[in-house]
Amino acid sequence: MMVMPAIDIKGGKCVQLVGGRPGTEKVEIDDALGVALRWQKLGAEMLHVIDLDWALGTGNNEILIEKLAAAIDIPVQVGGGIRTQEHVQKLFDIGCERVIMGTRAIQDRQFIEKMAQQYPDGIVVAIDSQPTMF
């Protein structure tokens, strides 16, 4: 089993949203890179990063994610609003080890199969759901 610390980024800051709802930030830390380095120092084997701005359609934190991936020695997996092959490739190009796909993976099986074939061991499918769905 691997315990993987997560960093959610919104507006260039680490945030914790209450129930994952925008506008409910409970914690905001300005130094996302410092947080990543701290997780590495504490022994994390991989870092899970979600770009909330991209997921919410309010921008992106790609430059920060690139800096983060370059600054730490552990692999980074990134998710949040990734719906195109170009976006997937860009994240691999900037140093991400894995790319997490959710909505597009569920909506377009052919697309996710193509991504899985093109990037074996690099694609993670996230299945986020509300408990009432089951």
Protein backbone atom coordinates (compact mmCIF):
# COMPACT_ATOMS: atom_id res chain seq x y z
CA MET A 1 0.00 0.00 0.00
CA MET A 2 1.19 3.49 -0.80
CA VAL A 3 0.05 6.50 1.20
CA MET A 4 0.05 9.43 -1.19
CA PRO A 5 -0.22 13.00 0.07
CA ALA A 6 -2.43 15.30 -1.99
CA ILE A 7 -2.09 18.96 -2.86
CA ASP A 8 -5.09 20.77 -4.29
CA ILE A 9 -4.07 23.99 -6.03
CA LYS A 10 -6.36 26.95 -6.62
CA GLY A 11 -5.11 30.40 -7.51
CA GLY A 12 -1.51 29.27 -7.03
CA LYS A 13 -2.17 28.23 -3.41
CA CYS A 14 -2.66 24.93 -1.65
CA VAL A 15 -6.26 24.80 -0.54
CA GLN A 16 -8.63 22.49 1.24
CA LEU A 17 -12.22 22.79 0.12
CA VAL A 18 -15.01 21.68 2.44
CA GLY A 19 -16.76 18.82 0.68
CA GLY A 20 -14.88 19.73 -2.51
CA ARG A 21 -17.13 22.74 -3.09
CA PRO A 22 -15.61 25.92 -4.59
CA GLY A 23 -15.71 28.93 -2.30
CA THR A 24 -15.44 26.83 0.87
CA GLU A 25 -11.68 27.07 1.34
CA LYS A 26 -10.85 25.92 4.86
CA VAL A 27 -7.07 26.10 4.49
CA GLU A 28 -4.97 28.26 2.17
CA ILE A 29 -1.18 27.99 2.02
CA ASP A 30 0.67 30.37 -0.28
CA ASP A 31 3.75 28.18 -0.72
CA ALA A 32 2.60 25.11 -2.69
CA LEU A 33 6.19 24.28 -3.62
CA GLY A 34 7.19 24.36 0.05
CA VAL A 35 4.35 22.00 0.88
CA ALA A 36 5.49 19.57 -1.83
CA LEU A 37 9.07 19.68 -0.58
CA ARG A 38 7.86 19.05 2.97
CA TRP A 39 5.86 15.98 1.90
CA GLN A 40 8.98 14.68 0.13
CA LYS A 41 11.10 15.29 3.23
CA LEU A 42 8.53 13.40 5.33
CA GLY A 43 8.99 10.34 3.11
CA ALA A 44 6.22 10.55 0.52
CA GLU A 45 6.82 8.19 -2.39
CA MET A 46 4.61 10.10 -4.82
CA LEU A 47 2.63 13.32 -4.79
CA HIS A 48 -0.99 13.67 -5.93
CA VAL A 49 -1.76 17.15 -7.32
CA ILE A 50 -5.13 18.46 -8.44
CA ASP A 51 -5.40 21.70 -10.42
CA LEU A 52 -8.74 22.97 -9.15
CA ASP A 53 -8.66 26.02 -11.41
CA TRP A 54 -8.43 23.84 -14.50
CA ALA A 55 -11.12 21.51 -13.16
CA LEU A 56 -13.43 24.47 -12.44
CA GLY A 57 -12.67 26.26 -15.72
CA THR A 58 -11.22 29.31 -13.95
CA GLY A 59 -7.65 29.15 -15.28
CA ASN A 60 -4.78 26.81 -14.60
CA ASN A 61 -1.71 26.32 -12.46
CA GLU A 62 0.43 24.67 -15.11
CA ILE A 63 3.53 26.80 -14.48
CA LEU A 64 3.40 26.05 -10.76
CA ILE A 65 2.92 22.33 -11.43
CA GLU A 66 5.92 22.37 -13.77
CA LYS A 67 8.06 24.07 -11.08
CA LEU A 68 6.83 21.60 -8.50
CA ALA A 69 7.61 18.56 -10.67
CA ALA A 70 11.11 19.92 -11.37
CA ALA A 71 11.84 20.73 -7.72
CA ILE A 72 11.02 17.40 -6.10
CA ASP A 73 12.61 14.01 -6.61
CA ILE A 74 9.45 11.93 -6.19
CA PRO A 75 6.96 11.25 -8.97
CA VAL A 76 3.98 13.57 -9.40
CA GLN A 77 0.55 12.57 -10.63
CA VAL A 78 -1.73 15.39 -11.74
CA GLY A 79 -5.44 15.70 -12.37
CA GLY A 80 -8.15 18.30 -12.71
CA GLY A 81 -10.07 19.05 -15.88
CA ILE A 82 -7.84 17.08 -18.23
CA ARG A 83 -9.90 16.34 -21.31
CA THR A 84 -7.61 16.48 -24.36
CA GLN A 85 -4.63 14.54 -25.64
CA GLU A 86 -2.71 17.80 -25.94
CA HIS A 87 -3.24 18.51 -22.25
CA VAL A 88 -2.17 14.97 -21.33
CA GLN A 89 1.00 15.29 -23.42
CA LYS A 90 1.81 18.73 -21.97
CA LEU A 91 1.64 17.34 -18.41
CA PHE A 92 4.02 14.51 -19.32
CA ASP A 93 6.29 17.04 -21.07
CA ILE A 94 6.55 19.20 -17.93
CA GLY A 95 7.61 16.23 -15.81
CA CYS A 96 4.48 14.58 -14.46
CA GLU A 97 4.71 10.82 -14.03
CA ARG A 98 0.98 10.10 -14.19
CA VAL A 99 -2.06 11.95 -15.48
CA ILE A 100 -5.44 11.50 -13.83
CA MET A 101 -8.54 11.62 -15.99
CA GLY A 102 -12.10 11.53 -14.74
CA THR A 103 -14.95 13.09 -16.69
CA ARG A 104 -13.54 12.48 -20.16
CA ALA A 105 -12.57 8.92 -19.26
CA ILE A 106 -16.12 8.14 -18.20
CA GLN A 107 -17.77 9.97 -21.10
CA ASP A 108 -15.54 8.69 -23.91
CA ARG A 109 -14.33 5.11 -23.61
CA GLN A 110 -12.51 5.18 -26.96
CA PHE A 111 -10.54 8.24 -25.90
CA ILE A 112 -9.41 6.75 -22.59
CA GLU A 113 -8.49 3.48 -24.29
CA LYS A 114 -6.36 5.44 -26.76
CA MET A 115 -4.67 7.36 -23.91
CA ALA A 116 -4.02 4.14 -21.99
CA GLN A 117 -2.42 2.56 -25.06
CA GLN A 118 -0.34 5.63 -25.85
CA TYR A 119 0.78 6.18 -22.25
CA PRO A 120 0.91 2.75 -20.60
CA ASP A 121 1.42 3.05 -16.85
CA GLY A 122 0.87 6.81 -17.12
CA ILE A 123 -2.91 7.20 -17.09
CA VAL A 124 -5.01 6.99 -13.92
CA VAL A 125 -8.79 6.94 -14.15
CA ALA A 126 -10.51 8.70 -11.25
CA ILE A 127 -14.01 7.64 -10.37
CA ASP A 128 -15.36 10.39 -8.14
CA SER A 129 -18.96 10.05 -7.11
CA GLN A 130 -21.58 11.13 -4.65
CA PRO A 131 -22.53 8.37 -2.17
CA THR A 132 -26.18 8.77 -3.17
CA MET A 133 -25.35 7.57 -6.71
CA PHE A 134 -25.16 3.96 -5.53
